[in-house]
Amino acid sequence: MTSGPFGAPSRGHPIRKVANERPRFPGTIGGISDALHGSRRAQFFAELLQAQQGPELDAVMFAWWGM
């Protein structure tokens, strides 16, 4: 099993396009913030600014990337 974004397990299945699937975006601070709007983006940045480097920051990134 390989690792996906932020160390999450990946099953190694190929990505396939589904008709109504939302566009994918990179699991970066910029990619996540570009995909969020208004108060959700503000909340994302508020959580980022409170998180410490390491597992806590990784958890914030992973949670928001999944939204």
N, C-alpha and C. Protein backbone atom coordinates (compact mmCIF):
# COMPACT_ATOMS: atom_id res chain seq x y z
N MET A 1 0.85 -1.16 0.00
CA MET A 1 0.00 0.00 0.00
C MET A 1 0.90 1.23 0.00
N THR A 2 0.57 2.22 -0.82
CA THR A 2 1.37 3.43 -0.89
C THR A 2 0.70 4.54 -0.09
N SER A 3 1.43 5.61 0.12
CA SER A 3 0.86 6.74 0.86
C SER A 3 0.28 7.75 -0.11
N GLY A 4 -0.86 8.27 0.25
CA GLY A 4 -1.51 9.34 -0.51
C GLY A 4 -1.14 10.67 0.13
N PRO A 5 -1.94 11.72 -0.15
CA PRO A 5 -1.64 13.04 0.41
C PRO A 5 -1.55 13.02 1.93
N PHE A 6 -0.57 13.69 2.47
CA PHE A 6 -0.37 13.86 3.90
C PHE A 6 -0.19 12.53 4.62
N GLY A 7 0.34 11.52 3.94
CA GLY A 7 0.62 10.25 4.58
C GLY A 7 -0.59 9.34 4.72
N ALA A 8 -1.75 9.75 4.20
CA ALA A 8 -2.94 8.91 4.28
C ALA A 8 -2.74 7.70 3.37
N PRO A 9 -3.24 6.52 3.78
CA PRO A 9 -3.06 5.34 2.94
C PRO A 9 -3.76 5.49 1.60
N SER A 10 -3.13 5.00 0.58
CA SER A 10 -3.69 5.01 -0.76
C SER A 10 -3.80 3.56 -1.21
N ARG A 11 -4.87 3.22 -1.82
CA ARG A 11 -5.08 1.85 -2.26
C ARG A 11 -4.44 1.57 -3.62
N GLY A 12 -3.91 2.60 -4.26
CA GLY A 12 -3.22 2.40 -5.52
C GLY A 12 -4.14 2.22 -6.70
N HIS A 13 -5.43 2.52 -6.55
CA HIS A 13 -6.36 2.39 -7.66
C HIS A 13 -6.17 3.55 -8.61
N PRO A 14 -6.30 3.29 -9.91
CA PRO A 14 -6.16 4.39 -10.87
C PRO A 14 -7.31 5.39 -10.70
N ILE A 15 -7.02 6.65 -10.96
CA ILE A 15 -8.06 7.68 -10.89
C ILE A 15 -8.82 7.67 -12.21
N ARG A 16 -10.13 7.65 -12.12
CA ARG A 16 -10.92 7.72 -13.34
C ARG A 16 -11.90 8.86 -13.21
N LYS A 17 -12.23 9.49 -14.33
CA LYS A 17 -13.13 10.63 -14.34
C LYS A 17 -14.56 10.14 -14.26
N VAL A 18 -15.32 10.71 -13.33
CA VAL A 18 -16.74 10.40 -13.18
C VAL A 18 -17.50 11.63 -13.64
N ALA A 19 -18.64 11.44 -14.33
CA ALA A 19 -19.39 12.52 -14.96
C ALA A 19 -19.57 13.76 -14.07
N ASN A 20 -20.13 13.64 -12.91
CA ASN A 20 -20.43 14.80 -12.07
C ASN A 20 -19.43 15.00 -10.94
N GLU A 21 -18.26 14.43 -11.07
CA GLU A 21 -17.24 14.55 -10.03
C GLU A 21 -16.72 15.98 -9.97
N ARG A 22 -16.54 16.48 -8.73
CA ARG A 22 -15.97 17.82 -8.58
C ARG A 22 -14.51 17.79 -9.02
N PRO A 23 -14.01 18.90 -9.53
CA PRO A 23 -12.60 18.94 -9.95
C PRO A 23 -11.68 18.67 -8.78
N ARG A 24 -10.61 17.97 -9.05
CA ARG A 24 -9.60 17.70 -8.02
C ARG A 24 -8.71 18.91 -7.90
N PHE A 25 -8.11 19.08 -6.73
CA PHE A 25 -7.19 20.17 -6.51
C PHE A 25 -6.06 19.66 -5.64
N PRO A 26 -4.91 20.34 -5.70
CA PRO A 26 -3.76 19.87 -4.93
C PRO A 26 -4.00 20.02 -3.43
N GLY A 27 -3.43 19.13 -2.67
CA GLY A 27 -3.55 19.16 -1.21
C GLY A 27 -2.52 20.09 -0.61
N THR A 28 -2.47 21.30 -1.13
CA THR A 28 -1.56 22.32 -0.63
C THR A 28 -2.39 23.42 0.02
N ILE A 29 -1.75 24.29 0.79
CA ILE A 29 -2.48 25.40 1.40
C ILE A 29 -3.15 26.24 0.30
N GLY A 30 -2.42 26.52 -0.76
CA GLY A 30 -2.98 27.30 -1.86
C GLY A 30 -4.12 26.58 -2.57
N GLY A 31 -3.93 25.29 -2.83
CA GLY A 31 -4.97 24.52 -3.52
C GLY A 31 -6.24 24.43 -2.71
N ILE A 32 -6.09 24.19 -1.42
CA ILE A 32 -7.26 24.09 -0.55
C ILE A 32 -7.95 25.45 -0.42
N SER A 33 -7.18 26.51 -0.19
CA SER A 33 -7.80 27.83 -0.03
C SER A 33 -8.48 28.30 -1.31
N ASP A 34 -7.91 27.97 -2.47
CA ASP A 34 -8.54 28.33 -3.75
C ASP A 34 -9.89 27.64 -3.93
N ALA A 35 -10.04 26.45 -3.34
CA ALA A 35 -11.28 25.68 -3.49
C ALA A 35 -12.35 26.11 -2.48
N LEU A 36 -11.96 26.89 -1.47
CA LEU A 36 -12.91 27.35 -0.45
C LEU A 36 -13.31 28.78 -0.71
N HIS A 37 -14.48 29.15 -0.19
CA HIS A 37 -14.98 30.51 -0.38
C HIS A 37 -15.48 31.08 0.93
N GLY A 38 -15.42 32.40 1.04
CA GLY A 38 -16.01 33.13 2.15
C GLY A 38 -15.56 32.67 3.52
N SER A 39 -16.56 32.39 4.36
CA SER A 39 -16.27 32.05 5.75
C SER A 39 -15.55 30.71 5.89
N ARG A 40 -15.75 29.81 4.94
CA ARG A 40 -15.03 28.52 5.01
C ARG A 40 -13.54 28.74 4.82
N ARG A 41 -13.17 29.62 3.88
CA ARG A 41 -11.76 29.93 3.66
C ARG A 41 -11.18 30.60 4.91
N ALA A 42 -11.92 31.52 5.50
CA ALA A 42 -11.46 32.20 6.71
C ALA A 42 -11.25 31.20 7.85
N GLN A 43 -12.17 30.25 7.99
CA GLN A 43 -12.05 29.23 9.04
C GLN A 43 -10.82 28.35 8.80
N PHE A 44 -10.59 27.98 7.54
CA PHE A 44 -9.42 27.19 7.18
C PHE A 44 -8.14 27.90 7.61
N PHE A 45 -8.02 29.19 7.27
CA PHE A 45 -6.82 29.94 7.63
C PHE A 45 -6.70 30.11 9.14
N ALA A 46 -7.82 30.31 9.83
CA ALA A 46 -7.78 30.43 11.28
C ALA A 46 -7.24 29.15 11.91
N GLU A 47 -7.68 28.00 11.43
CA GLU A 47 -7.18 26.72 11.96
C GLU A 47 -5.71 26.52 11.62
N LEU A 48 -5.31 26.89 10.41
CA LEU A 48 -3.90 26.77 10.02
C LEU A 48 -3.01 27.59 10.94
N LEU A 49 -3.43 28.82 11.22
CA LEU A 49 -2.61 29.71 12.03
C LEU A 49 -2.49 29.26 13.48
N GLN A 50 -3.43 28.45 13.96
CA GLN A 50 -3.39 27.95 15.34
C GLN A 50 -2.61 26.64 15.46
N ALA A 51 -2.48 25.90 14.35
CA ALA A 51 -1.86 24.57 14.38
C ALA A 51 -0.34 24.67 14.49
N GLN A 52 0.23 23.73 15.24
CA GLN A 52 1.69 23.64 15.35
C GLN A 52 2.21 22.74 14.23
N GLN A 53 3.44 23.00 13.83
CA GLN A 53 4.11 22.19 12.81
C GLN A 53 4.09 20.73 13.21
N GLY A 54 3.82 19.84 12.30
CA GLY A 54 3.83 18.41 12.57
C GLY A 54 2.44 17.81 12.47
N PRO A 55 2.14 16.82 13.31
CA PRO A 55 0.87 16.10 13.22
C PRO A 55 -0.37 16.99 13.32
N GLU A 56 -0.28 18.03 14.14
CA GLU A 56 -1.44 18.92 14.29
C GLU A 56 -1.74 19.67 12.98
N LEU A 57 -0.70 20.21 12.35
CA LEU A 57 -0.87 20.90 11.08
C LEU A 57 -1.31 19.92 9.99
N ASP A 58 -0.71 18.73 9.98
CA ASP A 58 -1.10 17.70 9.01
C ASP A 58 -2.58 17.36 9.14
N ALA A 59 -3.08 17.27 10.37
CA ALA A 59 -4.48 16.94 10.60
C ALA A 59 -5.41 18.03 10.07
N VAL A 60 -5.04 19.29 10.25
CA VAL A 60 -5.84 20.40 9.72
C VAL A 60 -5.87 20.32 8.20
N MET A 61 -4.71 20.15 7.60
CA MET A 61 -4.62 20.07 6.12
C MET A 61 -5.45 18.91 5.60
N PHE A 62 -5.32 17.75 6.21
CA PHE A 62 -6.03 16.57 5.73
C PHE A 62 -7.54 16.74 5.88
N ALA A 63 -7.99 17.29 7.00
CA ALA A 63 -9.42 17.49 7.22
C ALA A 63 -10.01 18.43 6.19
N TRP A 64 -9.34 19.55 5.92
CA TRP A 64 -9.87 20.52 4.97
C TRP A 64 -9.74 20.04 3.54
N TRP A 65 -8.69 19.30 3.22
CA TRP A 65 -8.52 18.77 1.86
C TRP A 65 -9.67 17.81 1.54
N GLY A 66 -10.17 17.11 2.54
CA GLY A 66 -11.27 16.17 2.34
C GLY A 66 -12.62 16.84 2.14
N MET A 67 -12.71 18.14 2.47
CA MET A 67 -13.98 18.84 2.31
C MET A 67 -14.11 19.29 0.91
